[in-house]
Amino acid sequence: MTLFVHPMTLPFYSLLWLLPPLCLGVAIIYKTIRTDDIRRLPRQVLGLAVYMAGGLAGLGAGLWLILRYWP
């Protein structure tokens, strides 16, 4: 029970390793509900996970540029 009282601290860059499993989990759940052909499910899940990860990377780069170069 002390884990909830004193949580572990992780460095910022190790938290980025939690994004791929999050994207993959959300893609699996979403595409399992929304697909009409189960044979295409692995390809659709992989495509959506890559799309989500790319969107997050683009959003992160855009926000970094705004914070870095905004007057």
C-alpha atoms as a PDB file:
ATOM      1  CA  MET A   1       0.000   0.000   0.000  1.00  0.00           C
ATOM      2  CA  THR A   2       2.930   2.391   0.265  1.00  0.00           C
ATOM      3  CA  LEU A   3       3.074   2.534  -3.551  1.00  0.00           C
ATOM      4  CA  PHE A   4      -0.020   4.716  -3.577  1.00  0.00           C
ATOM      5  CA  VAL A   5       1.272   6.901  -0.759  1.00  0.00           C
ATOM      6  CA  HIS A   6       4.789   7.274  -2.196  1.00  0.00           C
ATOM      7  CA  PRO A   7       4.571   6.776  -5.984  1.00  0.00           C
ATOM      8  CA  MET A   8       7.625   5.938  -8.051  1.00  0.00           C
ATOM      9  CA  THR A   9       9.225   8.778  -9.948  1.00  0.00           C
ATOM     10  CA  LEU A  10      10.227   8.103 -13.520  1.00  0.00           C
ATOM     11  CA  PRO A  11      12.406  10.278 -15.726  1.00  0.00           C
ATOM     12  CA  PHE A  12      10.560  12.146 -18.472  1.00  0.00           C
ATOM     13  CA  TYR A  13      12.088  10.218 -21.362  1.00  0.00           C
ATOM     14  CA  SER A  14      11.161   6.869 -19.861  1.00  0.00           C
ATOM     15  CA  LEU A  15       7.529   7.996 -19.795  1.00  0.00           C
ATOM     16  CA  LEU A  16       7.624   8.292 -23.594  1.00  0.00           C
ATOM     17  CA  TRP A  17       8.012   4.499 -23.777  1.00  0.00           C
ATOM     18  CA  LEU A  18       4.470   4.221 -22.417  1.00  0.00           C
ATOM     19  CA  LEU A  19       2.974   5.855 -25.540  1.00  0.00           C
ATOM     20  CA  PRO A  20       3.321   2.916 -28.006  1.00  0.00           C
ATOM     21  CA  PRO A  21       1.460   0.418 -25.769  1.00  0.00           C
ATOM     22  CA  LEU A  22      -1.207   3.061 -25.117  1.00  0.00           C
ATOM     23  CA  CYS A  23      -1.686   3.715 -28.845  1.00  0.00           C
ATOM     24  CA  LEU A  24      -1.732  -0.004 -29.592  1.00  0.00           C
ATOM     25  CA  GLY A  25      -4.274  -0.729 -26.852  1.00  0.00           C
ATOM     26  CA  VAL A  26      -6.613   2.032 -27.974  1.00  0.00           C
ATOM     27  CA  ALA A  27      -6.281   0.936 -31.612  1.00  0.00           C
ATOM     28  CA  ILE A  28      -7.068  -2.690 -30.753  1.00  0.00           C
ATOM     29  CA  ILE A  29     -10.165  -1.779 -28.777  1.00  0.00           C
ATOM     30  CA  TYR A  30     -11.432   0.765 -31.304  1.00  0.00           C
ATOM     31  CA  LYS A  31     -10.888  -1.371 -34.394  1.00  0.00           C
ATOM     32  CA  THR A  32     -12.299  -4.489 -32.738  1.00  0.00           C
ATOM     33  CA  ILE A  33     -15.553  -2.623 -32.233  1.00  0.00           C
ATOM     34  CA  ARG A  34     -15.620  -0.770 -35.579  1.00  0.00           C
ATOM     35  CA  THR A  35     -14.332  -3.347 -38.103  1.00  0.00           C
ATOM     36  CA  ASP A  36     -16.656  -5.246 -40.395  1.00  0.00           C
ATOM     37  CA  ASP A  37     -14.167  -7.900 -41.558  1.00  0.00           C
ATOM     38  CA  ILE A  38     -12.139  -9.643 -38.839  1.00  0.00           C
ATOM     39  CA  ARG A  39      -9.503 -10.848 -41.324  1.00  0.00           C
ATOM     40  CA  ARG A  40      -8.341  -7.267 -41.905  1.00  0.00           C
ATOM     41  CA  LEU A  41      -8.176  -6.460 -38.190  1.00  0.00           C
ATOM     42  CA  PRO A  42      -4.367  -6.776 -37.630  1.00  0.00           C
ATOM     43  CA  ARG A  43      -3.553  -4.501 -40.568  1.00  0.00           C
ATOM     44  CA  GLN A  44      -6.160  -1.939 -39.533  1.00  0.00           C
ATOM     45  CA  VAL A  45      -4.942  -1.965 -35.933  1.00  0.00           C
ATOM     46  CA  LEU A  46      -1.337  -1.457 -36.978  1.00  0.00           C
ATOM     47  CA  GLY A  47      -2.306   1.340 -39.365  1.00  0.00           C
ATOM     48  CA  LEU A  48      -4.338   3.147 -36.722  1.00  0.00           C
ATOM     49  CA  ALA A  49      -1.612   2.770 -34.085  1.00  0.00           C
ATOM     50  CA  VAL A  50       0.999   4.227 -36.466  1.00  0.00           C
ATOM     51  CA  TYR A  51      -1.411   7.021 -37.400  1.00  0.00           C
ATOM     52  CA  MET A  52      -1.998   7.867 -33.725  1.00  0.00           C
ATOM     53  CA  ALA A  53       1.703   7.768 -32.860  1.00  0.00           C
ATOM     54  CA  GLY A  54       2.524   9.968 -35.857  1.00  0.00           C
ATOM     55  CA  GLY A  55      -0.173  12.424 -34.853  1.00  0.00           C
ATOM     56  CA  LEU A  56       1.169  12.602 -31.316  1.00  0.00           C
ATOM     57  CA  ALA A  57       4.710  13.117 -32.624  1.00  0.00           C
ATOM     58  CA  GLY A  58       3.529  15.874 -34.955  1.00  0.00           C
ATOM     59  CA  LEU A  59       1.555  17.539 -32.205  1.00  0.00           C
ATOM     60  CA  GLY A  60       4.539  17.346 -29.880  1.00  0.00           C
ATOM     61  CA  ALA A  61       6.854  18.825 -32.520  1.00  0.00           C
ATOM     62  CA  GLY A  62       4.378  21.613 -33.231  1.00  0.00           C
ATOM     63  CA  LEU A  63       4.026  22.486 -29.571  1.00  0.00           C
ATOM     64  CA  TRP A  64       7.807  22.397 -29.150  1.00  0.00           C
ATOM     65  CA  LEU A  65       8.193  24.815 -32.071  1.00  0.00           C
ATOM     66  CA  ILE A  66       5.602  27.163 -30.604  1.00  0.00           C
ATOM     67  CA  LEU A  67       7.253  27.161 -27.193  1.00  0.00           C
ATOM     68  CA  ARG A  68      10.731  27.495 -28.659  1.00  0.00           C
ATOM     69  CA  TYR A  69      10.213  30.222 -31.255  1.00  0.00           C
ATOM     70  CA  TRP A  70       7.098  32.137 -30.182  1.00  0.00           C
ATOM     71  CA  PRO A  71       8.046  35.711 -29.247  1.00  0.00           C
END
